[in-house]
Amino acid sequence: MGNTKLKRALRRNKLSEKGAARKLGISQSLINRITKDGFTPGLKTAAKIVAGFDGQLTFDDLLSPADRRARKKLIGVLVDNHTSP
């Protein structure tokens, strides 16, 4: 269960995981963990990936499904707290 959006972006740009690692300046093992295991990268790595694909990916695309659910819950709590008197 890996990150399919990153896999598609790699295919669209005709990049292997090794080529993407070289282009983005991050380790190939990290790219493998993201694409194959669904690992969520840190902010610096995510920023490098998003910038390297020129708007084809967003930060949300790099989140694992569990992290995406947690983010939605957190946003809901913050909105509720902000709108409550």
PDB file of N, CA and C in Angstrom:
ATOM      1  N   MET A   1       0.847  -1.177   0.000  1.00  0.00           N
ATOM      2  CA  MET A   1       0.000   0.000   0.000  1.00  0.00           C
ATOM      3  C   MET A   1       0.891   1.239   0.000  1.00  0.00           C
ATOM      4  N   GLY A   2       1.326   1.629  -1.150  1.00  0.00           N
ATOM      5  CA  GLY A   2       2.214   2.768  -1.266  1.00  0.00           C
ATOM      6  C   GLY A   2       1.484   4.009  -1.728  1.00  0.00           C
ATOM      7  N   ASN A   3       2.234   5.031  -1.975  1.00  0.00           N
ATOM      8  CA  ASN A   3       1.681   6.296  -2.415  1.00  0.00           C
ATOM      9  C   ASN A   3       1.513   6.267  -3.931  1.00  0.00           C
ATOM     10  N   THR A   4       0.280   6.070  -4.388  1.00  0.00           N
ATOM     11  CA  THR A   4       0.026   5.938  -5.821  1.00  0.00           C
ATOM     12  C   THR A   4       0.164   7.263  -6.557  1.00  0.00           C
ATOM     13  N   LYS A   5      -0.112   8.375  -5.895  1.00  0.00           N
ATOM     14  CA  LYS A   5       0.003   9.670  -6.577  1.00  0.00           C
ATOM     15  C   LYS A   5       1.450   9.987  -6.911  1.00  0.00           C
ATOM     16  N   LEU A   6       2.358   9.648  -6.016  1.00  0.00           N
ATOM     17  CA  LEU A   6       3.775   9.855  -6.301  1.00  0.00           C
ATOM     18  C   LEU A   6       4.229   8.900  -7.402  1.00  0.00           C
ATOM     19  N   LYS A   7       3.742   7.665  -7.368  1.00  0.00           N
ATOM     20  CA  LYS A   7       4.085   6.702  -8.421  1.00  0.00           C
ATOM     21  C   LYS A   7       3.636   7.218  -9.784  1.00  0.00           C
ATOM     22  N   ARG A   8       2.422   7.752  -9.856  1.00  0.00           N
ATOM     23  CA  ARG A   8       1.912   8.294 -11.124  1.00  0.00           C
ATOM     24  C   ARG A   8       2.735   9.488 -11.587  1.00  0.00           C
ATOM     25  N   ALA A   9       3.109  10.350 -10.659  1.00  0.00           N
ATOM     26  CA  ALA A   9       3.927  11.515 -11.024  1.00  0.00           C
ATOM     27  C   ALA A   9       5.286  11.069 -11.563  1.00  0.00           C
ATOM     28  N   LEU A  10       5.866  10.036 -10.977  1.00  0.00           N
ATOM     29  CA  LEU A  10       7.133   9.504 -11.478  1.00  0.00           C
ATOM     30  C   LEU A  10       6.961   8.979 -12.899  1.00  0.00           C
ATOM     31  N   ARG A  11       5.872   8.238 -13.132  1.00  0.00           N
ATOM     32  CA  ARG A  11       5.628   7.697 -14.479  1.00  0.00           C
ATOM     33  C   ARG A  11       5.392   8.801 -15.495  1.00  0.00           C
ATOM     34  N   ARG A  12       4.596   9.820 -15.121  1.00  0.00           N
ATOM     35  CA  ARG A  12       4.319  10.931 -16.042  1.00  0.00           C
ATOM     36  C   ARG A  12       5.598  11.631 -16.470  1.00  0.00           C
ATOM     37  N   ASN A  13       6.528  11.762 -15.544  1.00  0.00           N
ATOM     38  CA  ASN A  13       7.783  12.459 -15.823  1.00  0.00           C
ATOM     39  C   ASN A  13       8.888  11.520 -16.300  1.00  0.00           C
ATOM     40  N   LYS A  14       8.518  10.260 -16.527  1.00  0.00           N
ATOM     41  CA  LYS A  14       9.469   9.247 -17.011  1.00  0.00           C
ATOM     42  C   LYS A  14      10.705   9.167 -16.128  1.00  0.00           C
ATOM     43  N   LEU A  15      10.469   9.123 -14.814  1.00  0.00           N
ATOM     44  CA  LEU A  15      11.552   9.033 -13.837  1.00  0.00           C
ATOM     45  C   LEU A  15      11.476   7.715 -13.084  1.00  0.00           C
ATOM     46  N   SER A  16      12.609   7.117 -12.867  1.00  0.00           N
ATOM     47  CA  SER A  16      12.671   5.967 -11.965  1.00  0.00           C
ATOM     48  C   SER A  16      12.810   6.519 -10.548  1.00  0.00           C
ATOM     49  N   GLU A  17      12.724   5.657  -9.575  1.00  0.00           N
ATOM     50  CA  GLU A  17      12.908   6.106  -8.193  1.00  0.00           C
ATOM     51  C   GLU A  17      14.333   6.603  -7.985  1.00  0.00           C
ATOM     52  N   LYS A  18      15.274   5.953  -8.647  1.00  0.00           N
ATOM     53  CA  LYS A  18      16.673   6.376  -8.546  1.00  0.00           C
ATOM     54  C   LYS A  18      16.873   7.745  -9.200  1.00  0.00           C
ATOM     55  N   GLY A  19      16.275   7.948 -10.378  1.00  0.00           N
ATOM     56  CA  GLY A  19      16.388   9.235 -11.066  1.00  0.00           C
ATOM     57  C   GLY A  19      15.720  10.358 -10.287  1.00  0.00           C
ATOM     58  N   ALA A  20      14.582  10.049  -9.677  1.00  0.00           N
ATOM     59  CA  ALA A  20      13.885  11.052  -8.870  1.00  0.00           C
ATOM     60  C   ALA A  20      14.708  11.425  -7.649  1.00  0.00           C
ATOM     61  N   ALA A  21      15.343  10.433  -7.041  1.00  0.00           N
ATOM     62  CA  ALA A  21      16.177  10.708  -5.867  1.00  0.00           C
ATOM     63  C   ALA A  21      17.318  11.646  -6.238  1.00  0.00           C
ATOM     64  N   ARG A  22      17.924  11.391  -7.384  1.00  0.00           N
ATOM     65  CA  ARG A  22      19.019  12.254  -7.838  1.00  0.00           C
ATOM     66  C   ARG A  22      18.513  13.668  -8.129  1.00  0.00           C
ATOM     67  N   LYS A  23      17.375  13.764  -8.827  1.00  0.00           N
ATOM     68  CA  LYS A  23      16.813  15.062  -9.211  1.00  0.00           C
ATOM     69  C   LYS A  23      16.391  15.884  -7.990  1.00  0.00           C
ATOM     70  N   LEU A  24      15.797  15.214  -7.001  1.00  0.00           N
ATOM     71  CA  LEU A  24      15.250  15.917  -5.842  1.00  0.00           C
ATOM     72  C   LEU A  24      16.250  16.117  -4.711  1.00  0.00           C
ATOM     73  N   GLY A  25      17.353  15.391  -4.757  1.00  0.00           N
ATOM     74  CA  GLY A  25      18.357  15.526  -3.706  1.00  0.00           C
ATOM     75  C   GLY A  25      17.978  14.835  -2.408  1.00  0.00           C
ATOM     76  N   ILE A  26      17.243  13.734  -2.513  1.00  0.00           N
ATOM     77  CA  ILE A  26      16.907  12.942  -1.331  1.00  0.00           C
ATOM     78  C   ILE A  26      17.313  11.496  -1.598  1.00  0.00           C
ATOM     79  N   SER A  27      17.341  10.681  -0.570  1.00  0.00           N
ATOM     80  CA  SER A  27      17.835   9.314  -0.735  1.00  0.00           C
ATOM     81  C   SER A  27      16.811   8.442  -1.468  1.00  0.00           C
ATOM     82  N   GLN A  28      17.343   7.493  -2.205  1.00  0.00           N
ATOM     83  CA  GLN A  28      16.490   6.570  -2.940  1.00  0.00           C
ATOM     84  C   GLN A  28      15.688   5.692  -1.986  1.00  0.00           C
ATOM     85  N   SER A  29      16.279   5.336  -0.863  1.00  0.00           N
ATOM     86  CA  SER A  29      15.554   4.493   0.096  1.00  0.00           C
ATOM     87  C   SER A  29      14.338   5.229   0.663  1.00  0.00           C
ATOM     88  N   LEU A  30      14.443   6.540   0.815  1.00  0.00           N
ATOM     89  CA  LEU A  30      13.304   7.321   1.299  1.00  0.00           C
ATOM     90  C   LEU A  30      12.187   7.329   0.258  1.00  0.00           C
ATOM     91  N   ILE A  31      12.543   7.502  -1.007  1.00  0.00           N
ATOM     92  CA  ILE A  31      11.533   7.463  -2.075  1.00  0.00           C
ATOM     93  C   ILE A  31      10.882   6.082  -2.117  1.00  0.00           C
ATOM     94  N   ASN A  32      11.675   5.030  -1.959  1.00  0.00           N
ATOM     95  CA  ASN A  32      11.122   3.672  -1.941  1.00  0.00           C
ATOM     96  C   ASN A  32      10.137   3.503  -0.792  1.00  0.00           C
ATOM     97  N   ARG A  33      10.467   4.026   0.376  1.00  0.00           N
ATOM     98  CA  ARG A  33       9.573   3.907   1.535  1.00  0.00           C
ATOM     99  C   ARG A  33       8.260   4.641   1.292  1.00  0.00           C
ATOM    100  N   ILE A  34       8.322   5.772   0.604  1.00  0.00           N
ATOM    101  CA  ILE A  34       7.105   6.540   0.325  1.00  0.00           C
ATOM    102  C   ILE A  34       6.245   5.813  -0.705  1.00  0.00           C
ATOM    103  N   THR A  35       6.867   5.378  -1.815  1.00  0.00           N
ATOM    104  CA  THR A  35       6.089   4.765  -2.892  1.00  0.00           C
ATOM    105  C   THR A  35       5.630   3.352  -2.571  1.00  0.00           C
ATOM    106  N   LYS A  36       6.406   2.601  -1.835  1.00  0.00           N
ATOM    107  CA  LYS A  36       6.058   1.194  -1.583  1.00  0.00           C
ATOM    108  C   LYS A  36       5.341   0.971  -0.253  1.00  0.00           C
ATOM    109  N   ASP A  37       5.751   1.662   0.795  1.00  0.00           N
ATOM    110  CA  ASP A  37       5.194   1.423   2.127  1.00  0.00           C
ATOM    111  C   ASP A  37       4.173   2.465   2.558  1.00  0.00           C
ATOM    112  N   GLY A  38       4.015   3.548   1.798  1.00  0.00           N
ATOM    113  CA  GLY A  38       3.081   4.593   2.182  1.00  0.00           C
ATOM    114  C   GLY A  38       3.589   5.476   3.303  1.00  0.00           C
ATOM    115  N   PHE A  39       4.911   5.508   3.505  1.00  0.00           N
ATOM    116  CA  PHE A  39       5.549   6.331   4.532  1.00  0.00           C
ATOM    117  C   PHE A  39       5.250   7.805   4.269  1.00  0.00           C
ATOM    118  N   THR A  40       4.960   8.572   5.310  1.00  0.00           N
ATOM    119  CA  THR A  40       4.747  10.011   5.176  1.00  0.00           C
ATOM    120  C   THR A  40       6.066  10.724   5.438  1.00  0.00           C
ATOM    121  N   PRO A  41       6.562  11.489   4.452  1.00  0.00           N
ATOM    122  CA  PRO A  41       7.838  12.181   4.643  1.00  0.00           C
ATOM    123  C   PRO A  41       7.700  13.375   5.580  1.00  0.00           C
ATOM    124  N   GLY A  42       8.831  13.844   6.088  1.00  0.00           N
ATOM    125  CA  GLY A  42       8.848  15.049   6.900  1.00  0.00           C
ATOM    126  C   GLY A  42       8.611  16.283   6.042  1.00  0.00           C
ATOM    127  N   LEU A  43       8.503  17.425   6.675  1.00  0.00           N
ATOM    128  CA  LEU A  43       8.181  18.647   5.938  1.00  0.00           C
ATOM    129  C   LEU A  43       9.242  19.039   4.916  1.00  0.00           C
ATOM    130  N   LYS A  44      10.519  18.952   5.282  1.00  0.00           N
ATOM    131  CA  LYS A  44      11.576  19.337   4.345  1.00  0.00           C
ATOM    132  C   LYS A  44      11.575  18.436   3.117  1.00  0.00           C
ATOM    133  N   THR A  45      11.457  17.136   3.344  1.00  0.00           N
ATOM    134  CA  THR A  45      11.448  16.185   2.237  1.00  0.00           C
ATOM    135  C   THR A  45      10.202  16.378   1.384  1.00  0.00           C
ATOM    136  N   ALA A  46       9.059  16.568   2.025  1.00  0.00           N
ATOM    137  CA  ALA A  46       7.819  16.789   1.283  1.00  0.00           C
ATOM    138  C   ALA A  46       7.918  18.061   0.446  1.00  0.00           C
ATOM    139  N   ALA A  47       8.529  19.102   0.997  1.00  0.00           N
ATOM    140  CA  ALA A  47       8.696  20.348   0.248  1.00  0.00           C
ATOM    141  C   ALA A  47       9.583  20.137  -0.977  1.00  0.00           C
ATOM    142  N   LYS A  48      10.633  19.344  -0.831  1.00  0.00           N
ATOM    143  CA  LYS A  48      11.506  19.049  -1.972  1.00  0.00           C
ATOM    144  C   LYS A  48      10.745  18.286  -3.055  1.00  0.00           C
ATOM    145  N   ILE A  49       9.926  17.331  -2.640  1.00  0.00           N
ATOM    146  CA  ILE A  49       9.172  16.532  -3.606  1.00  0.00           C
ATOM    147  C   ILE A  49       8.138  17.392  -4.322  1.00  0.00           C
ATOM    148  N   VAL A  50       7.378  18.184  -3.575  1.00  0.00           N
ATOM    149  CA  VAL A  50       6.349  19.033  -4.177  1.00  0.00           C
ATOM    150  C   VAL A  50       6.987  20.041  -5.131  1.00  0.00           C
ATOM    151  N   ALA A  51       8.083  20.659  -4.728  1.00  0.00           N
ATOM    152  CA  ALA A  51       8.760  21.632  -5.589  1.00  0.00           C
ATOM    153  C   ALA A  51       9.353  20.962  -6.822  1.00  0.00           C
ATOM    154  N   GLY A  52       9.855  19.757  -6.675  1.00  0.00           N
ATOM    155  CA  GLY A  52      10.477  19.053  -7.788  1.00  0.00           C
ATOM    156  C   GLY A  52       9.505  18.624  -8.864  1.00  0.00           C
ATOM    157  N   PHE A  53       8.231  18.488  -8.524  1.00  0.00           N
ATOM    158  CA  PHE A  53       7.240  18.066  -9.509  1.00  0.00           C
ATOM    159  C   PHE A  53       6.371  19.225  -9.992  1.00  0.00           C
ATOM    160  N   ASP A  54       6.778  20.440  -9.759  1.00  0.00           N
ATOM    161  CA  ASP A  54       6.150  21.645 -10.320  1.00  0.00           C
ATOM    162  C   ASP A  54       4.620  21.642 -10.287  1.00  0.00           C
ATOM    163  N   GLY A  55       4.066  21.489  -9.111  1.00  0.00           N
ATOM    164  CA  GLY A  55       2.622  21.599  -8.964  1.00  0.00           C
ATOM    165  C   GLY A  55       1.831  20.355  -9.330  1.00  0.00           C
ATOM    166  N   GLN A  56       2.490  19.268  -9.697  1.00  0.00           N
ATOM    167  CA  GLN A  56       1.772  18.036 -10.009  1.00  0.00           C
ATOM    168  C   GLN A  56       1.334  17.316  -8.740  1.00  0.00           C
ATOM    169  N   LEU A  57       1.984  17.625  -7.627  1.00  0.00           N
ATOM    170  CA  LEU A  57       1.664  17.016  -6.335  1.00  0.00           C
ATOM    171  C   LEU A  57       1.457  18.111  -5.303  1.00  0.00           C
ATOM    172  N   THR A  58       0.655  17.803  -4.280  1.00  0.00           N
ATOM    173  CA  THR A  58       0.490  18.718  -3.157  1.00  0.00           C
ATOM    174  C   THR A  58       0.967  18.012  -1.888  1.00  0.00           C
ATOM    175  N   PHE A  59       1.044  18.751  -0.808  1.00  0.00           N
ATOM    176  CA  PHE A  59       1.439  18.140   0.461  1.00  0.00           C
ATOM    177  C   PHE A  59       0.445  17.054   0.870  1.00  0.00           C
ATOM    178  N   ASP A  60      -0.842  17.275   0.614  1.00  0.00           N
ATOM    179  CA  ASP A  60      -1.854  16.271   0.969  1.00  0.00           C
ATOM    180  C   ASP A  60      -1.652  14.968   0.210  1.00  0.00           C
ATOM    181  N   ASP A  61      -1.136  15.050  -1.011  1.00  0.00           N
ATOM    182  CA  ASP A  61      -0.887  13.839  -1.798  1.00  0.00           C
ATOM    183  C   ASP A  61       0.171  12.956  -1.158  1.00  0.00           C
ATOM    184  N   LEU A  62       1.031  13.520  -0.341  1.00  0.00           N
ATOM    185  CA  LEU A  62       2.119  12.765   0.264  1.00  0.00           C
ATOM    186  C   LEU A  62       1.768  12.183   1.632  1.00  0.00           C
ATOM    187  N   LEU A  63       0.587  12.514   2.140  1.00  0.00           N
ATOM    188  CA  LEU A  63       0.174  11.986   3.442  1.00  0.00           C
ATOM    189  C   LEU A  63      -0.368  10.570   3.304  1.00  0.00           C
ATOM    190  N   SER A  64      -0.108   9.753   4.282  1.00  0.00           N
ATOM    191  CA  SER A  64      -0.707   8.417   4.310  1.00  0.00           C
ATOM    192  C   SER A  64      -2.190   8.582   4.652  1.00  0.00           C
ATOM    193  N   PRO A  65      -3.024   7.594   4.335  1.00  0.00           N
ATOM    194  CA  PRO A  65      -4.452   7.709   4.663  1.00  0.00           C
ATOM    195  C   PRO A  65      -4.712   7.977   6.147  1.00  0.00           C
ATOM    196  N   ALA A  66      -3.948   7.359   7.031  1.00  0.00           N
ATOM    197  CA  ALA A  66      -4.136   7.589   8.474  1.00  0.00           C
ATOM    198  C   ALA A  66      -3.790   9.030   8.836  1.00  0.00           C
ATOM    199  N   ASP A  67      -2.712   9.556   8.259  1.00  0.00           N
ATOM    200  CA  ASP A  67      -2.333  10.941   8.529  1.00  0.00           C
ATOM    201  C   ASP A  67      -3.365  11.907   7.958  1.00  0.00           C
ATOM    202  N   ARG A  68      -3.947  11.559   6.812  1.00  0.00           N
ATOM    203  CA  ARG A  68      -4.964  12.398   6.192  1.00  0.00           C
ATOM    204  C   ARG A  68      -6.203  12.470   7.084  1.00  0.00           C
ATOM    205  N   ARG A  69      -6.608  11.320   7.655  1.00  0.00           N
ATOM    206  CA  ARG A  69      -7.762  11.303   8.573  1.00  0.00           C
ATOM    207  C   ARG A  69      -7.464  12.123   9.824  1.00  0.00           C
ATOM    208  N   ALA A  70      -6.270  11.978  10.368  1.00  0.00           N
ATOM    209  CA  ALA A  70      -5.892  12.729  11.570  1.00  0.00           C
ATOM    210  C   ALA A  70      -5.894  14.223  11.284  1.00  0.00           C
ATOM    211  N   ARG A  71      -5.428  14.608  10.100  1.00  0.00           N
ATOM    212  CA  ARG A  71      -5.393  16.025   9.717  1.00  0.00           C
ATOM    213  C   ARG A  71      -6.811  16.588   9.637  1.00  0.00           C
ATOM    214  N   LYS A  72      -7.737  15.823   9.045  1.00  0.00           N
ATOM    215  CA  LYS A  72      -9.126  16.281   8.939  1.00  0.00           C
ATOM    216  C   LYS A  72      -9.743  16.457  10.321  1.00  0.00           C
ATOM    217  N   LYS A  73      -9.471  15.520  11.231  1.00  0.00           N
ATOM    218  CA  LYS A  73      -9.992  15.632  12.593  1.00  0.00           C
ATOM    219  C   LYS A  73      -9.437  16.871  13.282  1.00  0.00           C
ATOM    220  N   LEU A  74      -8.141  17.102  13.133  1.00  0.00           N
ATOM    221  CA  LEU A  74      -7.506  18.258  13.757  1.00  0.00           C
ATOM    222  C   LEU A  74      -8.091  19.555  13.216  1.00  0.00           C
ATOM    223  N   ILE A  75      -8.283  19.630  11.907  1.00  0.00           N
ATOM    224  CA  ILE A  75      -8.867  20.838  11.316  1.00  0.00           C
ATOM    225  C   ILE A  75     -10.282  21.042  11.842  1.00  0.00           C
ATOM    226  N   GLY A  76     -11.060  19.959  11.966  1.00  0.00           N
ATOM    227  CA  GLY A  76     -12.416  20.060  12.504  1.00  0.00           C
ATOM    228  C   GLY A  76     -12.425  20.584  13.926  1.00  0.00           C
ATOM    229  N   VAL A  77     -11.519  20.110  14.751  1.00  0.00           N
ATOM    230  CA  VAL A  77     -11.423  20.567  16.140  1.00  0.00           C
ATOM    231  C   VAL A  77     -11.016  22.035  16.182  1.00  0.00           C
ATOM    232  N   LEU A  78     -10.057  22.422  15.365  1.00  0.00           N
ATOM    233  CA  LEU A  78      -9.610  23.815  15.352  1.00  0.00           C
ATOM    234  C   LEU A  78     -10.719  24.750  14.897  1.00  0.00           C
ATOM    235  N   VAL A  79     -11.475  24.341  13.886  1.00  0.00           N
ATOM    236  CA  VAL A  79     -12.582  25.168  13.401  1.00  0.00           C
ATOM    237  C   VAL A  79     -13.656  25.280  14.475  1.00  0.00           C
ATOM    238  N   ASP A  80     -13.994  24.160  15.125  1.00  0.00           N
ATOM    239  CA  ASP A  80     -14.999  24.188  16.189  1.00  0.00           C
ATOM    240  C   ASP A  80     -14.564  25.092  17.337  1.00  0.00           C
ATOM    241  N   ASN A  81     -13.312  25.012  17.731  1.00  0.00           N
ATOM    242  CA  ASN A  81     -12.809  25.840  18.829  1.00  0.00           C
ATOM    243  C   ASN A  81     -12.775  27.311  18.443  1.00  0.00           C
ATOM    244  N   HIS A  82     -12.507  27.576  17.190  1.00  0.00           N
ATOM    245  CA  HIS A  82     -12.423  28.968  16.739  1.00  0.00           C
ATOM    246  C   HIS A  82     -13.811  29.604  16.639  1.00  0.00           C
ATOM    247  N   THR A  83     -14.811  28.815  16.237  1.00  0.00           N
ATOM    248  CA  THR A  83     -16.152  29.369  16.071  1.00  0.00           C
ATOM    249  C   THR A  83     -16.956  29.366  17.360  1.00  0.00           C
ATOM    250  N   SER A  84     -16.538  28.604  18.366  1.00  0.00           N
ATOM    251  CA  SER A  84     -17.254  28.573  19.650  1.00  0.00           C
ATOM    252  C   SER A  84     -16.985  29.860  20.426  1.00  0.00           C
ATOM    253  N   PRO A  85     -18.040  30.368  21.099  1.00  0.00           N
ATOM    254  CA  PRO A  85     -17.816  31.608  21.883  1.00  0.00           C
ATOM    255  C   PRO A  85     -17.023  31.372  23.136  1.00  0.00           C
TER     256      PRO A  85
END
